Amino acid sequence: MAKKNISYSEAINEIEEILRIIENNDADVDLLTEKVKRACFLIKYCKNKLHNTETEVEKLFKELDK
């Protein structure tokens, strides 16, 4: 389901495309569930990426204070 090494911006772009499809009712009912599952996966991926980045930045700032 997931591409390996997907970037944050690629994930966001894919989420936006899925939202566009859903909002415009362009999704076939049979594919709608798959689109929603993919969007949920990508949202979790982005949240995790943001959390990891925040943690790393905080760590770097703490090192600067030493």
N, C-alpha and C. Protein backbone atom coordinates (compact mmCIF):
# COMPACT_ATOMS: atom_id res chain seq x y z
N MET A 1 0.83 -1.20 0.00
CA MET A 1 0.00 0.00 0.00
C MET A 1 0.87 1.25 0.00
N ALA A 2 1.94 1.24 0.73
CA ALA A 2 2.76 2.44 0.85
C ALA A 2 3.96 2.37 -0.08
N LYS A 3 4.27 3.50 -0.66
CA LYS A 3 5.50 3.59 -1.42
C LYS A 3 6.64 3.70 -0.43
N LYS A 4 7.77 3.10 -0.78
CA LYS A 4 8.93 3.24 0.10
C LYS A 4 9.54 4.61 -0.13
N ASN A 5 10.00 5.20 0.97
CA ASN A 5 10.69 6.49 0.92
C ASN A 5 9.84 7.62 0.34
N ILE A 6 8.56 7.59 0.61
CA ILE A 6 7.70 8.69 0.18
C ILE A 6 8.04 9.92 1.00
N SER A 7 8.11 11.04 0.34
CA SER A 7 8.42 12.28 1.06
C SER A 7 7.15 12.85 1.67
N TYR A 8 7.35 13.75 2.62
CA TYR A 8 6.22 14.42 3.27
C TYR A 8 5.40 15.17 2.22
N SER A 9 6.07 15.91 1.34
CA SER A 9 5.34 16.69 0.34
C SER A 9 4.60 15.79 -0.65
N GLU A 10 5.16 14.64 -0.98
CA GLU A 10 4.46 13.70 -1.86
C GLU A 10 3.20 13.18 -1.17
N ALA A 11 3.32 12.89 0.12
CA ALA A 11 2.16 12.39 0.87
C ALA A 11 1.07 13.45 0.94
N ILE A 12 1.46 14.69 1.22
CA ILE A 12 0.48 15.79 1.28
C ILE A 12 -0.19 15.98 -0.08
N ASN A 13 0.58 15.93 -1.14
CA ASN A 13 0.01 16.08 -2.47
C ASN A 13 -0.99 14.97 -2.78
N GLU A 14 -0.66 13.75 -2.37
CA GLU A 14 -1.57 12.63 -2.60
C GLU A 14 -2.85 12.78 -1.77
N ILE A 15 -2.71 13.24 -0.53
CA ILE A 15 -3.90 13.49 0.31
C ILE A 15 -4.78 14.54 -0.35
N GLU A 16 -4.18 15.62 -0.83
CA GLU A 16 -4.94 16.68 -1.49
C GLU A 16 -5.65 16.16 -2.73
N GLU A 17 -5.01 15.29 -3.49
CA GLU A 17 -5.63 14.72 -4.69
C GLU A 17 -6.81 13.82 -4.30
N ILE A 18 -6.64 13.02 -3.26
CA ILE A 18 -7.74 12.17 -2.79
C ILE A 18 -8.90 13.03 -2.33
N LEU A 19 -8.62 14.10 -1.60
CA LEU A 19 -9.69 15.00 -1.15
C LEU A 19 -10.41 15.64 -2.34
N ARG A 20 -9.66 16.04 -3.34
CA ARG A 20 -10.27 16.62 -4.54
C ARG A 20 -11.22 15.62 -5.19
N ILE A 21 -10.77 14.39 -5.30
CA ILE A 21 -11.60 13.34 -5.91
C ILE A 21 -12.87 13.13 -5.11
N ILE A 22 -12.73 13.06 -3.79
CA ILE A 22 -13.90 12.82 -2.93
C ILE A 22 -14.85 14.01 -2.96
N GLU A 23 -14.31 15.23 -2.85
CA GLU A 23 -15.16 16.43 -2.84
C GLU A 23 -15.91 16.63 -4.15
N ASN A 24 -15.31 16.21 -5.26
CA ASN A 24 -15.96 16.37 -6.56
C ASN A 24 -16.80 15.16 -6.94
N ASN A 25 -16.94 14.23 -6.00
CA ASN A 25 -17.69 13.01 -6.26
C ASN A 25 -17.18 12.26 -7.48
N ASP A 26 -15.85 12.34 -7.70
CA ASP A 26 -15.24 11.65 -8.82
C ASP A 26 -14.86 10.21 -8.49
N ALA A 27 -14.95 9.83 -7.24
CA ALA A 27 -14.55 8.49 -6.81
C ALA A 27 -15.68 7.50 -7.05
N ASP A 28 -15.37 6.44 -7.72
CA ASP A 28 -16.30 5.34 -7.88
C ASP A 28 -16.54 4.74 -6.50
N VAL A 29 -17.77 4.34 -6.22
CA VAL A 29 -18.12 3.82 -4.91
C VAL A 29 -17.22 2.64 -4.54
N ASP A 30 -16.87 1.82 -5.50
CA ASP A 30 -16.02 0.66 -5.23
C ASP A 30 -14.60 1.07 -4.84
N LEU A 31 -14.15 2.23 -5.29
CA LEU A 31 -12.80 2.70 -4.98
C LEU A 31 -12.77 3.64 -3.79
N LEU A 32 -13.91 4.11 -3.38
CA LEU A 32 -13.98 5.10 -2.29
C LEU A 32 -13.34 4.59 -1.00
N THR A 33 -13.64 3.35 -0.64
CA THR A 33 -13.06 2.78 0.58
C THR A 33 -11.53 2.75 0.49
N GLU A 34 -11.01 2.36 -0.66
CA GLU A 34 -9.56 2.30 -0.83
C GLU A 34 -8.93 3.69 -0.76
N LYS A 35 -9.61 4.67 -1.33
CA LYS A 35 -9.11 6.05 -1.28
C LYS A 35 -9.08 6.55 0.16
N VAL A 36 -10.13 6.27 0.92
CA VAL A 36 -10.20 6.72 2.31
C VAL A 36 -9.14 6.00 3.14
N LYS A 37 -8.94 4.70 2.92
CA LYS A 37 -7.89 3.96 3.62
C LYS A 37 -6.51 4.55 3.32
N ARG A 38 -6.28 4.85 2.06
CA ARG A 38 -4.99 5.42 1.66
C ARG A 38 -4.80 6.79 2.32
N ALA A 39 -5.83 7.60 2.32
CA ALA A 39 -5.75 8.93 2.95
C ALA A 39 -5.45 8.79 4.43
N CYS A 40 -6.10 7.85 5.11
CA CYS A 40 -5.84 7.64 6.54
C CYS A 40 -4.40 7.22 6.78
N PHE A 41 -3.90 6.31 5.95
CA PHE A 41 -2.50 5.90 6.07
C PHE A 41 -1.57 7.10 5.89
N LEU A 42 -1.82 7.90 4.88
CA LEU A 42 -0.96 9.05 4.59
C LEU A 42 -1.02 10.10 5.70
N ILE A 43 -2.19 10.31 6.26
CA ILE A 43 -2.32 11.26 7.37
C ILE A 43 -1.51 10.78 8.57
N LYS A 44 -1.61 9.49 8.89
CA LYS A 44 -0.82 8.94 9.99
C LYS A 44 0.67 9.07 9.71
N TYR A 45 1.05 8.80 8.47
CA TYR A 45 2.45 8.93 8.06
C TYR A 45 2.94 10.36 8.26
N CYS A 46 2.15 11.33 7.83
CA CYS A 46 2.53 12.74 7.96
C CYS A 46 2.61 13.17 9.42
N LYS A 47 1.65 12.75 10.23
CA LYS A 47 1.68 13.08 11.65
C LYS A 47 2.94 12.52 12.30
N ASN A 48 3.29 11.29 11.97
CA ASN A 48 4.49 10.67 12.52
C ASN A 48 5.75 11.41 12.05
N LYS A 49 5.77 11.77 10.78
CA LYS A 49 6.92 12.50 10.23
C LYS A 49 7.08 13.86 10.93
N LEU A 50 5.98 14.55 11.15
CA LEU A 50 6.03 15.84 11.85
C LEU A 50 6.49 15.67 13.29
N HIS A 51 5.99 14.65 13.96
CA HIS A 51 6.39 14.40 15.34
C HIS A 51 7.90 14.10 15.42
N ASN A 52 8.38 13.26 14.52
CA ASN A 52 9.81 12.92 14.50
C ASN A 52 10.67 14.15 14.20
N THR A 53 10.21 14.98 13.30
CA THR A 53 10.95 16.20 12.97
C THR A 53 10.98 17.14 14.16
N GLU A 54 9.85 17.31 14.83
CA GLU A 54 9.78 18.17 16.01
C GLU A 54 10.75 17.67 17.09
N THR A 55 10.76 16.37 17.31
CA THR A 55 11.65 15.78 18.32
C THR A 55 13.11 16.03 17.96
N GLU A 56 13.44 15.85 16.70
CA GLU A 56 14.82 16.05 16.26
C GLU A 56 15.25 17.52 16.38
N VAL A 57 14.37 18.43 16.01
CA VAL A 57 14.68 19.86 16.12
C VAL A 57 14.86 20.26 17.58
N GLU A 58 13.99 19.79 18.45
CA GLU A 58 14.13 20.07 19.88
C GLU A 58 15.47 19.56 20.40
N LYS A 59 15.84 18.37 19.97
CA LYS A 59 17.12 17.78 20.37
C LYS A 59 18.28 18.65 19.90
N LEU A 60 18.21 19.14 18.69
CA LEU A 60 19.27 19.99 18.15
C LEU A 60 19.37 21.31 18.91
N PHE A 61 18.23 21.90 19.25
CA PHE A 61 18.24 23.14 20.01
C PHE A 61 18.82 22.93 21.41
N LYS A 62 18.52 21.80 22.01
CA LYS A 62 19.08 21.50 23.33
C LYS A 62 20.59 21.39 23.27
N GLU A 63 21.09 20.81 22.18
CA GLU A 63 22.54 20.67 22.00
C GLU A 63 23.19 22.05 21.84
N LEU A 64 22.49 22.99 21.23
CA LEU A 64 23.03 24.34 21.07
C LEU A 64 23.19 25.06 22.40
N ASP A 65 22.31 24.74 23.36
CA ASP A 65 22.34 25.36 24.67
C ASP A 65 23.48 24.86 25.54
N LYS A 66 24.09 23.78 25.16
CA LYS A 66 25.17 23.21 25.99
C LYS A 66 26.45 24.00 25.88
